[in-house]
Amino acid sequence: MNVVGYAYATEDKKYLSSQLESLGKYGCDRIVLETDLFTGGGHPHKELENSLSEMSSGDQLIVYELVCLGKSIIQLAELVAVLREKNIELVVVNRRPGLEDVDNKTYMAMIEAMSATEKIIIRERTSRGLEQARKNGRVGGRPKISKETVEKIQFLYKNNKHTLREIADECDISLGTAYKYTQAR
């Protein structure tokens, strides 16, 4: 069994020291330090993903606090699901007050339950927002084009006198829409 600690570099050197000290006391075989979270790069959790790909069933991933993973509650639940599938245990060393005595399995189940609740809340807010927009006369999606415009698009295309770009410009539509209606039967 490998015990892998995960920490992230932060501007707060004291917090980074707390992470590393705590992971060292936990007895990690290896500590992975994420250094590119704030560089604006396209892959902010590269070291974490590399470590997970190297870990196997029965290993443990140790973090100082959940915030060290730098993930939203939904992303966190997705990570917990991946770890469960790989049979890797996530251990959070420093839990919020009131949760210190909760066993790890229950703690992870709580994260997944909060994530499911958050998804429902987001879905409900989105539905309410769309409904309110419809009541105010706003309809989502691409604007409809008239039958006459569709016929014009197809006529210009069939007569091979215009490129798709020219058709799009002449009919005041996007290139994708021009392509869509030239391929329609």
N, C-alpha and C. Protein backbone atom coordinates (compact mmCIF):
# COMPACT_ATOMS: atom_id res chain seq x y z
N MET A 1 0.85 -1.18 0.00
CA MET A 1 0.00 0.00 0.00
C MET A 1 0.89 1.24 0.00
N ASN A 2 0.61 2.15 -0.94
CA ASN A 2 1.31 3.43 -1.00
C ASN A 2 0.46 4.51 -0.36
N VAL A 3 1.11 5.37 0.38
CA VAL A 3 0.43 6.50 1.01
C VAL A 3 1.02 7.76 0.36
N VAL A 4 0.17 8.42 -0.46
CA VAL A 4 0.63 9.57 -1.22
C VAL A 4 -0.02 10.83 -0.66
N GLY A 5 0.81 11.77 -0.26
CA GLY A 5 0.31 13.06 0.21
C GLY A 5 0.20 14.03 -0.95
N TYR A 6 -0.79 14.89 -0.90
CA TYR A 6 -0.98 15.88 -1.96
C TYR A 6 -1.13 17.26 -1.33
N ALA A 7 -0.31 18.19 -1.78
CA ALA A 7 -0.36 19.56 -1.29
C ALA A 7 -0.31 20.50 -2.49
N TYR A 8 -0.77 21.72 -2.30
CA TYR A 8 -0.67 22.68 -3.38
C TYR A 8 0.07 23.92 -2.91
N ALA A 9 0.87 24.45 -3.83
CA ALA A 9 1.63 25.65 -3.51
C ALA A 9 0.69 26.83 -3.46
N THR A 10 0.91 27.67 -2.50
CA THR A 10 0.07 28.84 -2.32
C THR A 10 0.96 30.03 -2.00
N GLU A 11 0.42 31.22 -2.18
CA GLU A 11 1.17 32.42 -1.83
C GLU A 11 1.44 32.47 -0.33
N ASP A 12 0.58 31.85 0.46
CA ASP A 12 0.72 31.81 1.91
C ASP A 12 1.69 30.68 2.28
N LYS A 13 2.94 31.04 2.49
CA LYS A 13 3.99 30.04 2.78
C LYS A 13 3.73 29.31 4.09
N LYS A 14 3.09 29.99 5.04
CA LYS A 14 2.77 29.35 6.32
C LYS A 14 1.77 28.22 6.11
N TYR A 15 0.77 28.46 5.24
CA TYR A 15 -0.23 27.43 4.96
C TYR A 15 0.41 26.25 4.24
N LEU A 16 1.30 26.53 3.31
CA LEU A 16 2.01 25.45 2.61
C LEU A 16 2.83 24.65 3.61
N SER A 17 3.49 25.32 4.54
CA SER A 17 4.27 24.62 5.58
C SER A 17 3.37 23.75 6.43
N SER A 18 2.17 24.25 6.76
CA SER A 18 1.22 23.46 7.55
C SER A 18 0.81 22.20 6.80
N GLN A 19 0.57 22.34 5.51
CA GLN A 19 0.21 21.18 4.69
C GLN A 19 1.33 20.14 4.71
N LEU A 20 2.54 20.59 4.40
CA LEU A 20 3.68 19.66 4.30
C LEU A 20 4.01 19.02 5.64
N GLU A 21 3.95 19.80 6.71
CA GLU A 21 4.22 19.27 8.05
C GLU A 21 3.20 18.20 8.43
N SER A 22 1.93 18.48 8.16
CA SER A 22 0.86 17.54 8.49
C SER A 22 0.99 16.25 7.67
N LEU A 23 1.29 16.39 6.40
CA LEU A 23 1.46 15.20 5.55
C LEU A 23 2.68 14.39 5.99
N GLY A 24 3.73 15.08 6.39
CA GLY A 24 4.93 14.40 6.89
C GLY A 24 4.64 13.61 8.15
N LYS A 25 3.88 14.23 9.09
CA LYS A 25 3.50 13.54 10.33
C LYS A 25 2.60 12.33 10.05
N TYR A 26 1.79 12.41 9.00
CA TYR A 26 0.89 11.31 8.68
C TYR A 26 1.67 10.09 8.19
N GLY A 27 2.88 10.29 7.74
CA GLY A 27 3.72 9.17 7.31
C GLY A 27 3.57 8.83 5.84
N CYS A 28 3.42 9.85 5.02
CA CYS A 28 3.27 9.61 3.59
C CYS A 28 4.57 9.05 3.01
N ASP A 29 4.41 8.10 2.10
CA ASP A 29 5.57 7.55 1.40
C ASP A 29 6.16 8.58 0.43
N ARG A 30 5.26 9.40 -0.10
CA ARG A 30 5.65 10.40 -1.10
C ARG A 30 4.68 11.57 -0.98
N ILE A 31 5.20 12.77 -1.16
CA ILE A 31 4.35 13.96 -1.14
C ILE A 31 4.45 14.64 -2.51
N VAL A 32 3.29 14.86 -3.11
CA VAL A 32 3.21 15.49 -4.42
C VAL A 32 2.81 16.95 -4.19
N LEU A 33 3.56 17.86 -4.80
CA LEU A 33 3.28 19.28 -4.64
C LEU A 33 2.79 19.84 -5.97
N GLU A 34 1.58 20.36 -5.95
CA GLU A 34 0.99 21.00 -7.14
C GLU A 34 1.46 22.44 -7.15
N THR A 35 2.17 22.83 -8.20
CA THR A 35 2.73 24.17 -8.24
C THR A 35 2.09 25.06 -9.30
N ASP A 36 1.30 24.52 -10.19
CA ASP A 36 0.80 25.33 -11.31
C ASP A 36 -0.69 25.65 -11.23
N LEU A 37 -1.26 25.68 -10.02
CA LEU A 37 -2.69 25.97 -9.89
C LEU A 37 -3.04 27.38 -10.33
N PHE A 38 -2.13 28.33 -10.18
CA PHE A 38 -2.47 29.72 -10.43
C PHE A 38 -1.74 30.30 -11.63
N THR A 39 -1.17 29.46 -12.46
CA THR A 39 -0.41 29.97 -13.60
C THR A 39 -1.28 30.25 -14.80
N GLY A 40 -2.55 29.88 -14.73
CA GLY A 40 -3.43 30.11 -15.87
C GLY A 40 -3.28 29.05 -16.93
N GLY A 41 -2.54 28.01 -16.62
CA GLY A 41 -2.35 26.92 -17.57
C GLY A 41 -3.63 26.15 -17.79
N GLY A 42 -3.63 25.34 -18.82
CA GLY A 42 -4.84 24.63 -19.18
C GLY A 42 -5.13 23.41 -18.33
N HIS A 43 -4.19 23.01 -17.48
CA HIS A 43 -4.38 21.78 -16.72
C HIS A 43 -3.95 22.00 -15.28
N PRO A 44 -4.81 22.57 -14.44
CA PRO A 44 -4.38 22.99 -13.11
C PRO A 44 -4.12 21.87 -12.10
N HIS A 45 -4.51 20.66 -12.37
CA HIS A 45 -4.30 19.57 -11.40
C HIS A 45 -3.47 18.45 -12.01
N LYS A 46 -2.45 18.84 -12.76
CA LYS A 46 -1.63 17.88 -13.48
C LYS A 46 -0.95 16.89 -12.55
N GLU A 47 -0.34 17.37 -11.48
CA GLU A 47 0.38 16.49 -10.55
C GLU A 47 -0.57 15.51 -9.86
N LEU A 48 -1.76 16.00 -9.50
CA LEU A 48 -2.76 15.12 -8.88
C LEU A 48 -3.16 14.02 -9.84
N GLU A 49 -3.46 14.38 -11.07
CA GLU A 49 -3.87 13.36 -12.05
C GLU A 49 -2.75 12.39 -12.36
N ASN A 50 -1.52 12.88 -12.45
CA ASN A 50 -0.38 11.98 -12.68
C ASN A 50 -0.23 10.99 -11.53
N SER A 51 -0.37 11.49 -10.30
CA SER A 51 -0.26 10.62 -9.13
C SER A 51 -1.36 9.57 -9.11
N LEU A 52 -2.60 10.00 -9.41
CA LEU A 52 -3.72 9.05 -9.41
C LEU A 52 -3.53 7.97 -10.46
N SER A 53 -2.95 8.32 -11.59
CA SER A 53 -2.74 7.31 -12.64
C SER A 53 -1.70 6.27 -12.22
N GLU A 54 -0.82 6.66 -11.31
CA GLU A 54 0.22 5.74 -10.82
C GLU A 54 -0.23 4.93 -9.61
N MET A 55 -1.29 5.36 -8.96
CA MET A 55 -1.76 4.68 -7.75
C MET A 55 -2.59 3.46 -8.10
N SER A 56 -2.64 2.52 -7.16
CA SER A 56 -3.40 1.30 -7.42
C SER A 56 -4.30 0.98 -6.23
N SER A 57 -5.06 -0.07 -6.38
CA SER A 57 -6.02 -0.50 -5.37
C SER A 57 -5.36 -0.65 -4.00
N GLY A 58 -6.00 -0.08 -2.98
CA GLY A 58 -5.49 -0.17 -1.62
C GLY A 58 -4.63 1.00 -1.20
N ASP A 59 -4.25 1.87 -2.15
CA ASP A 59 -3.43 3.04 -1.83
C ASP A 59 -4.28 4.09 -1.14
N GLN A 60 -3.60 5.05 -0.52
CA GLN A 60 -4.28 6.16 0.14
C GLN A 60 -3.77 7.48 -0.44
N LEU A 61 -4.71 8.41 -0.64
CA LEU A 61 -4.37 9.77 -1.03
C LEU A 61 -4.68 10.64 0.18
N ILE A 62 -3.68 11.33 0.68
CA ILE A 62 -3.83 12.12 1.90
C ILE A 62 -3.74 13.60 1.54
N VAL A 63 -4.71 14.38 2.03
CA VAL A 63 -4.68 15.83 1.87
C VAL A 63 -4.85 16.48 3.23
N TYR A 64 -4.29 17.66 3.37
CA TYR A 64 -4.39 18.39 4.63
C TYR A 64 -5.84 18.80 4.89
N GLU A 65 -6.47 19.46 3.90
CA GLU A 65 -7.87 19.85 3.97
C GLU A 65 -8.48 19.66 2.59
N LEU A 66 -9.80 19.60 2.52
CA LEU A 66 -10.46 19.46 1.22
C LEU A 66 -10.13 20.61 0.29
N VAL A 67 -9.95 21.80 0.84
CA VAL A 67 -9.65 22.97 0.02
C VAL A 67 -8.34 22.78 -0.75
N CYS A 68 -7.47 21.94 -0.25
CA CYS A 68 -6.19 21.68 -0.92
C CYS A 68 -6.37 21.04 -2.29
N LEU A 69 -7.50 20.42 -2.50
CA LEU A 69 -7.76 19.81 -3.81
C LEU A 69 -8.20 20.85 -4.84
N GLY A 70 -8.63 22.02 -4.37
CA GLY A 70 -8.98 23.10 -5.26
C GLY A 70 -10.13 22.78 -6.21
N LYS A 71 -11.11 22.06 -5.71
CA LYS A 71 -12.22 21.64 -6.55
C LYS A 71 -13.55 22.09 -5.96
N SER A 72 -14.54 22.27 -6.85
CA SER A 72 -15.89 22.56 -6.39
C SER A 72 -16.45 21.29 -5.76
N ILE A 73 -17.58 21.40 -5.08
CA ILE A 73 -18.18 20.24 -4.43
C ILE A 73 -18.56 19.18 -5.46
N ILE A 74 -19.00 19.60 -6.63
CA ILE A 74 -19.37 18.64 -7.68
C ILE A 74 -18.12 17.95 -8.22
N GLN A 75 -17.06 18.73 -8.48
CA GLN A 75 -15.80 18.13 -8.94
C GLN A 75 -15.21 17.21 -7.88
N LEU A 76 -15.36 17.60 -6.63
CA LEU A 76 -14.86 16.80 -5.53
C LEU A 76 -15.57 15.45 -5.48
N ALA A 77 -16.89 15.46 -5.65
CA ALA A 77 -17.65 14.21 -5.65
C ALA A 77 -17.25 13.32 -6.83
N GLU A 78 -16.96 13.93 -7.97
CA GLU A 78 -16.49 13.16 -9.13
C GLU A 78 -15.14 12.52 -8.82
N LEU A 79 -14.26 13.25 -8.14
CA LEU A 79 -12.97 12.69 -7.74
C LEU A 79 -13.17 11.54 -6.76
N VAL A 80 -14.06 11.71 -5.80
CA VAL A 80 -14.34 10.64 -4.83
C VAL A 80 -14.84 9.39 -5.56
N ALA A 81 -15.68 9.57 -6.57
CA ALA A 81 -16.20 8.43 -7.34
C ALA A 81 -15.06 7.72 -8.08
N VAL A 82 -14.15 8.49 -8.65
CA VAL A 82 -13.00 7.88 -9.35
C VAL A 82 -12.14 7.11 -8.37
N LEU A 83 -11.91 7.70 -7.20
CA LEU A 83 -11.09 7.02 -6.18
C LEU A 83 -11.76 5.73 -5.70
N ARG A 84 -13.07 5.80 -5.52
CA ARG A 84 -13.81 4.60 -5.08
C ARG A 84 -13.68 3.50 -6.14
N GLU A 85 -13.82 3.89 -7.41
CA GLU A 85 -13.72 2.92 -8.51
C GLU A 85 -12.34 2.26 -8.54
N LYS A 86 -11.31 3.04 -8.24
CA LYS A 86 -9.94 2.52 -8.23
C LYS A 86 -9.57 1.90 -6.89
N ASN A 87 -10.51 1.96 -5.92
CA ASN A 87 -10.28 1.46 -4.56
C ASN A 87 -9.11 2.18 -3.89
N ILE A 88 -9.09 3.50 -4.05
CA ILE A 88 -8.10 4.36 -3.41
C ILE A 88 -8.84 5.18 -2.36
N GLU A 89 -8.31 5.20 -1.15
CA GLU A 89 -8.96 5.92 -0.07
C GLU A 89 -8.46 7.36 0.01
N LEU A 90 -9.38 8.31 0.07
CA LEU A 90 -9.04 9.71 0.29
C LEU A 90 -9.14 9.98 1.78
N VAL A 91 -8.06 10.50 2.35
CA VAL A 91 -8.04 10.82 3.78
C VAL A 91 -7.79 12.32 3.92
N VAL A 92 -8.67 12.97 4.64
CA VAL A 92 -8.54 14.41 4.91
C VAL A 92 -8.07 14.54 6.36
N VAL A 93 -6.88 15.07 6.53
CA VAL A 93 -6.26 15.13 7.86
C VAL A 93 -6.93 16.17 8.74
N ASN A 94 -7.15 17.36 8.25
CA ASN A 94 -7.69 18.46 9.04
C ASN A 94 -9.12 18.75 8.58
N ARG A 95 -10.08 18.21 9.31
CA ARG A 95 -11.49 18.42 8.96
C ARG A 95 -12.06 19.59 9.73
N ARG A 96 -13.13 20.13 9.24
CA ARG A 96 -13.81 21.26 9.88
C ARG A 96 -14.33 20.83 11.25
N PRO A 97 -14.44 21.80 12.17
CA PRO A 97 -14.96 21.48 13.51
C PRO A 97 -16.32 20.79 13.44
N GLY A 98 -16.47 19.75 14.23
CA GLY A 98 -17.71 18.98 14.26
C GLY A 98 -17.65 17.75 13.37
N LEU A 99 -16.66 17.68 12.50
CA LEU A 99 -16.56 16.54 11.58
C LEU A 99 -15.31 15.69 11.85
N GLU A 100 -14.56 16.04 12.89
CA GLU A 100 -13.32 15.32 13.17
C GLU A 100 -13.55 13.85 13.48
N ASP A 101 -14.67 13.53 14.12
CA ASP A 101 -14.92 12.15 14.57
C ASP A 101 -15.72 11.32 13.59
N VAL A 102 -16.09 11.90 12.45
CA VAL A 102 -16.86 11.15 11.44
C VAL A 102 -15.91 10.20 10.72
N ASP A 103 -16.32 8.93 10.59
CA ASP A 103 -15.44 7.99 9.90
C ASP A 103 -15.32 8.37 8.42
N ASN A 104 -14.24 7.93 7.80
CA ASN A 104 -13.89 8.36 6.45
C ASN A 104 -14.97 7.98 5.42
N LYS A 105 -15.53 6.79 5.53
CA LYS A 105 -16.55 6.34 4.58
C LYS A 105 -17.79 7.25 4.65
N THR A 106 -18.21 7.60 5.85
CA THR A 106 -19.36 8.49 6.04
C THR A 106 -19.03 9.89 5.53
N TYR A 107 -17.79 10.34 5.77
CA TYR A 107 -17.36 11.66 5.32
C TYR A 107 -17.44 11.76 3.79
N MET A 108 -16.97 10.72 3.09
CA MET A 108 -17.02 10.72 1.63
C MET A 108 -18.47 10.65 1.14
N ALA A 109 -19.31 9.90 1.84
CA ALA A 109 -20.73 9.82 1.47
C ALA A 109 -21.39 11.19 1.63
N MET A 110 -20.98 11.94 2.65
CA MET A 110 -21.52 13.28 2.86
C MET A 110 -21.14 14.20 1.70
N ILE A 111 -19.92 14.09 1.22
CA ILE A 111 -19.48 14.90 0.08
C ILE A 111 -20.33 14.59 -1.15
N GLU A 112 -20.54 13.29 -1.40
CA GLU A 112 -21.34 12.90 -2.56
C GLU A 112 -22.79 13.35 -2.43
N ALA A 113 -23.33 13.30 -1.22
CA ALA A 113 -24.71 13.75 -1.00
C ALA A 113 -24.82 15.26 -1.21
N MET A 114 -23.85 16.01 -0.72
CA MET A 114 -23.86 17.46 -0.94
C MET A 114 -23.74 17.79 -2.42
N SER A 115 -22.95 17.02 -3.13
CA SER A 115 -22.80 17.24 -4.57
C SER A 115 -24.12 17.00 -5.30
N ALA A 116 -24.79 15.91 -4.94
CA ALA A 116 -26.09 15.61 -5.57
C ALA A 116 -27.08 16.73 -5.29
N THR A 117 -27.07 17.24 -4.07
CA THR A 117 -27.95 18.35 -3.71
C THR A 117 -27.59 19.59 -4.51
N GLU A 118 -26.31 19.88 -4.64
CA GLU A 118 -25.86 21.05 -5.41
C GLU A 118 -26.30 20.95 -6.87
N LYS A 119 -26.21 19.77 -7.45
CA LYS A 119 -26.66 19.58 -8.84
C LYS A 119 -28.15 19.87 -8.98
N ILE A 120 -28.94 19.42 -8.01
CA ILE A 120 -30.38 19.67 -8.04
C ILE A 120 -30.66 21.17 -7.92
N ILE A 121 -29.93 21.84 -7.04
CA ILE A 121 -30.11 23.29 -6.86
C ILE A 121 -29.76 24.03 -8.16
N ILE A 122 -28.66 23.67 -8.78
CA ILE A 122 -28.26 24.31 -10.03
C ILE A 122 -29.30 24.08 -11.11
N ARG A 123 -29.77 22.85 -11.23
CA ARG A 123 -30.78 22.51 -12.24
C ARG A 123 -32.05 23.32 -12.00
N GLU A 124 -32.47 23.42 -10.74
CA GLU A 124 -33.69 24.16 -10.41
C GLU A 124 -33.53 25.65 -10.71
N ARG A 125 -32.40 26.22 -10.34
CA ARG A 125 -32.16 27.64 -10.62
C ARG A 125 -32.15 27.90 -12.12
N THR A 126 -31.53 27.02 -12.87
CA THR A 126 -31.49 27.17 -14.33
C THR A 126 -32.89 27.10 -14.91
N SER A 127 -33.68 26.13 -14.46
CA SER A 127 -35.06 25.99 -14.95
C SER A 127 -35.88 27.23 -14.63
N ARG A 128 -35.74 27.75 -13.41
CA ARG A 128 -36.48 28.95 -13.03
C ARG A 128 -36.04 30.15 -13.86
N GLY A 129 -34.76 30.26 -14.11
CA GLY A 129 -34.24 31.37 -14.91
C GLY A 129 -34.75 31.30 -16.35
N LEU A 130 -34.76 30.10 -16.93
CA LEU A 130 -35.27 29.93 -18.30
C LEU A 130 -36.76 30.24 -18.36
N GLU A 131 -37.51 29.78 -17.35
CA GLU A 131 -38.95 30.04 -17.31
C GLU A 131 -39.22 31.54 -17.20
N GLN A 132 -38.46 32.21 -16.35
CA GLN A 132 -38.62 33.66 -16.20
C GLN A 132 -38.28 34.37 -17.51
N ALA A 133 -37.24 33.92 -18.19
CA ALA A 133 -36.86 34.52 -19.47
C ALA A 133 -37.97 34.33 -20.50
N ARG A 134 -38.58 33.16 -20.53
CA ARG A 134 -39.69 32.91 -21.46
C ARG A 134 -40.87 33.82 -21.16
N LYS A 135 -41.17 34.02 -19.88
CA LYS A 135 -42.27 34.92 -19.48
C LYS A 135 -42.00 36.35 -19.94
N ASN A 136 -40.73 36.71 -19.98
CA ASN A 136 -40.34 38.06 -20.41
C ASN A 136 -40.15 38.15 -21.93
N GLY A 137 -40.51 37.08 -22.63
CA GLY A 137 -40.46 37.11 -24.09
C GLY A 137 -39.14 36.71 -24.71
N ARG A 138 -38.21 36.26 -23.90
CA ARG A 138 -36.91 35.84 -24.44
C ARG A 138 -36.93 34.33 -24.64
N VAL A 139 -36.52 33.90 -25.80
CA VAL A 139 -36.49 32.48 -26.11
C VAL A 139 -35.04 32.10 -26.42
N GLY A 140 -34.57 31.03 -25.82
CA GLY A 140 -33.20 30.60 -26.03
C GLY A 140 -33.01 29.91 -27.37
N GLY A 141 -31.80 29.61 -27.68
CA GLY A 141 -31.49 28.89 -28.91
C GLY A 141 -31.21 29.85 -30.05
N ARG A 142 -30.93 29.26 -31.19
CA ARG A 142 -30.64 30.07 -32.38
C ARG A 142 -31.94 30.62 -32.95
N PRO A 143 -31.85 31.80 -33.53
CA PRO A 143 -33.06 32.35 -34.14
C PRO A 143 -33.47 31.53 -35.35
N LYS A 144 -34.77 31.41 -35.54
CA LYS A 144 -35.31 30.67 -36.68
C LYS A 144 -35.08 31.51 -37.94
N ILE A 145 -34.88 30.82 -39.06
CA ILE A 145 -34.80 31.54 -40.33
C ILE A 145 -36.03 31.17 -41.16
N SER A 146 -36.41 32.08 -41.99
CA SER A 146 -37.65 31.90 -42.75
C SER A 146 -37.49 30.84 -43.83
N LYS A 147 -38.63 30.35 -44.30
CA LYS A 147 -38.65 29.35 -45.38
C LYS A 147 -38.05 29.96 -46.64
N GLU A 148 -38.32 31.25 -46.86
CA GLU A 148 -37.79 31.93 -48.04
C GLU A 148 -36.26 31.97 -48.00
N THR A 149 -35.70 32.21 -46.81
CA THR A 149 -34.25 32.24 -46.68
C THR A 149 -33.65 30.86 -46.93
N VAL A 150 -34.30 29.83 -46.42
CA VAL A 150 -33.83 28.45 -46.65
C VAL A 150 -33.85 28.16 -48.15
N GLU A 151 -34.93 28.55 -48.83
CA GLU A 151 -35.02 28.32 -50.28
C GLU A 151 -33.93 29.08 -51.02
N LYS A 152 -33.65 30.31 -50.58
CA LYS A 152 -32.61 31.12 -51.21
C LYS A 152 -31.24 30.45 -51.03
N ILE A 153 -30.98 29.97 -49.83
CA ILE A 153 -29.71 29.28 -49.54
C ILE A 153 -29.54 28.10 -50.49
N GLN A 154 -30.58 27.27 -50.57
CA GLN A 154 -30.50 26.07 -51.40
C GLN A 154 -30.39 26.42 -52.89
N PHE A 155 -31.08 27.46 -53.33
CA PHE A 155 -31.02 27.88 -54.73
C PHE A 155 -29.60 28.34 -55.08
N LEU A 156 -29.03 29.19 -54.23
CA LEU A 156 -27.68 29.70 -54.49
C LEU A 156 -26.65 28.57 -54.50
N TYR A 157 -26.84 27.61 -53.63
CA TYR A 157 -25.89 26.49 -53.55
C TYR A 157 -26.02 25.56 -54.76
N LYS A 158 -27.26 25.24 -55.14
CA LYS A 158 -27.50 24.29 -56.24
C LYS A 158 -27.02 24.85 -57.57
N ASN A 159 -27.05 26.14 -57.74
CA ASN A 159 -26.63 26.73 -59.00
C ASN A 159 -25.11 26.92 -59.08
N ASN A 160 -24.40 26.50 -58.02
CA ASN A 160 -22.94 26.52 -57.98
C ASN A 160 -22.32 27.87 -58.32
N LYS A 161 -23.02 28.91 -58.01
CA LYS A 161 -22.51 30.24 -58.33
C LYS A 161 -21.88 30.91 -57.11
N HIS A 162 -22.13 30.36 -55.92
CA HIS A 162 -21.66 31.00 -54.71
C HIS A 162 -21.00 29.98 -53.79
N THR A 163 -19.98 30.45 -53.07
CA THR A 163 -19.37 29.61 -52.03
C THR A 163 -20.26 29.68 -50.79
N LEU A 164 -20.01 28.78 -49.85
CA LEU A 164 -20.77 28.82 -48.60
C LEU A 164 -20.58 30.16 -47.88
N ARG A 165 -19.36 30.69 -47.90
CA ARG A 165 -19.09 31.98 -47.26
C ARG A 165 -19.92 33.08 -47.91
N GLU A 166 -19.98 33.08 -49.24
CA GLU A 166 -20.77 34.10 -49.95
C GLU A 166 -22.25 33.95 -49.63
N ILE A 167 -22.72 32.71 -49.56
CA ILE A 167 -24.14 32.46 -49.23
C ILE A 167 -24.44 32.98 -47.82
N ALA A 168 -23.53 32.68 -46.89
CA ALA A 168 -23.72 33.12 -45.51
C ALA A 168 -23.77 34.65 -45.44
N ASP A 169 -22.86 35.31 -46.15
CA ASP A 169 -22.84 36.77 -46.14
C ASP A 169 -24.09 37.35 -46.79
N GLU A 170 -24.50 36.81 -47.92
CA GLU A 170 -25.66 37.34 -48.65
C GLU A 170 -26.96 37.14 -47.88
N CYS A 171 -27.07 36.02 -47.18
CA CYS A 171 -28.31 35.72 -46.45
C CYS A 171 -28.26 36.16 -44.99
N ASP A 172 -27.12 36.75 -44.59
CA ASP A 172 -26.94 37.24 -43.21
C ASP A 172 -27.14 36.11 -42.19
N ILE A 173 -26.43 35.01 -42.41
CA ILE A 173 -26.48 33.86 -41.53
C ILE A 173 -25.04 33.40 -41.25
N SER A 174 -24.90 32.50 -40.30
CA SER A 174 -23.56 31.98 -40.00
C SER A 174 -23.16 30.95 -41.06
N LEU A 175 -21.87 30.70 -41.14
CA LEU A 175 -21.36 29.71 -42.08
C LEU A 175 -21.93 28.33 -41.75
N GLY A 176 -22.06 28.03 -40.46
CA GLY A 176 -22.63 26.74 -40.04
C GLY A 176 -24.07 26.58 -40.48
N THR A 177 -24.85 27.65 -40.39
CA THR A 177 -26.24 27.60 -40.84
C THR A 177 -26.31 27.40 -42.35
N ALA A 178 -25.43 28.10 -43.08
CA ALA A 178 -25.39 27.93 -44.54
C ALA A 178 -25.08 26.47 -44.87
N TYR A 179 -24.11 25.89 -44.18
CA TYR A 179 -23.76 24.49 -44.42
C TYR A 179 -24.93 23.57 -44.10
N LYS A 180 -25.58 23.82 -42.97
CA LYS A 180 -26.71 22.99 -42.53
C LYS A 180 -27.80 22.92 -43.60
N TYR A 181 -28.17 24.07 -44.14
CA TYR A 181 -29.27 24.10 -45.09
C TYR A 181 -28.87 23.73 -46.51
N THR A 182 -27.57 23.72 -46.81
CA THR A 182 -27.17 23.22 -48.13
C THR A 182 -27.11 21.70 -48.13
N GLN A 183 -26.98 21.13 -46.96
CA GLN A 183 -26.92 19.67 -46.86
C GLN A 183 -28.30 19.06 -46.62
N ALA A 184 -29.28 19.90 -46.26
CA ALA A 184 -30.63 19.41 -45.97
C ALA A 184 -31.32 18.98 -47.28
N ARG A 185 -32.09 17.95 -47.20
CA ARG A 185 -32.80 17.46 -48.37
C ARG A 185 -34.24 17.91 -48.30
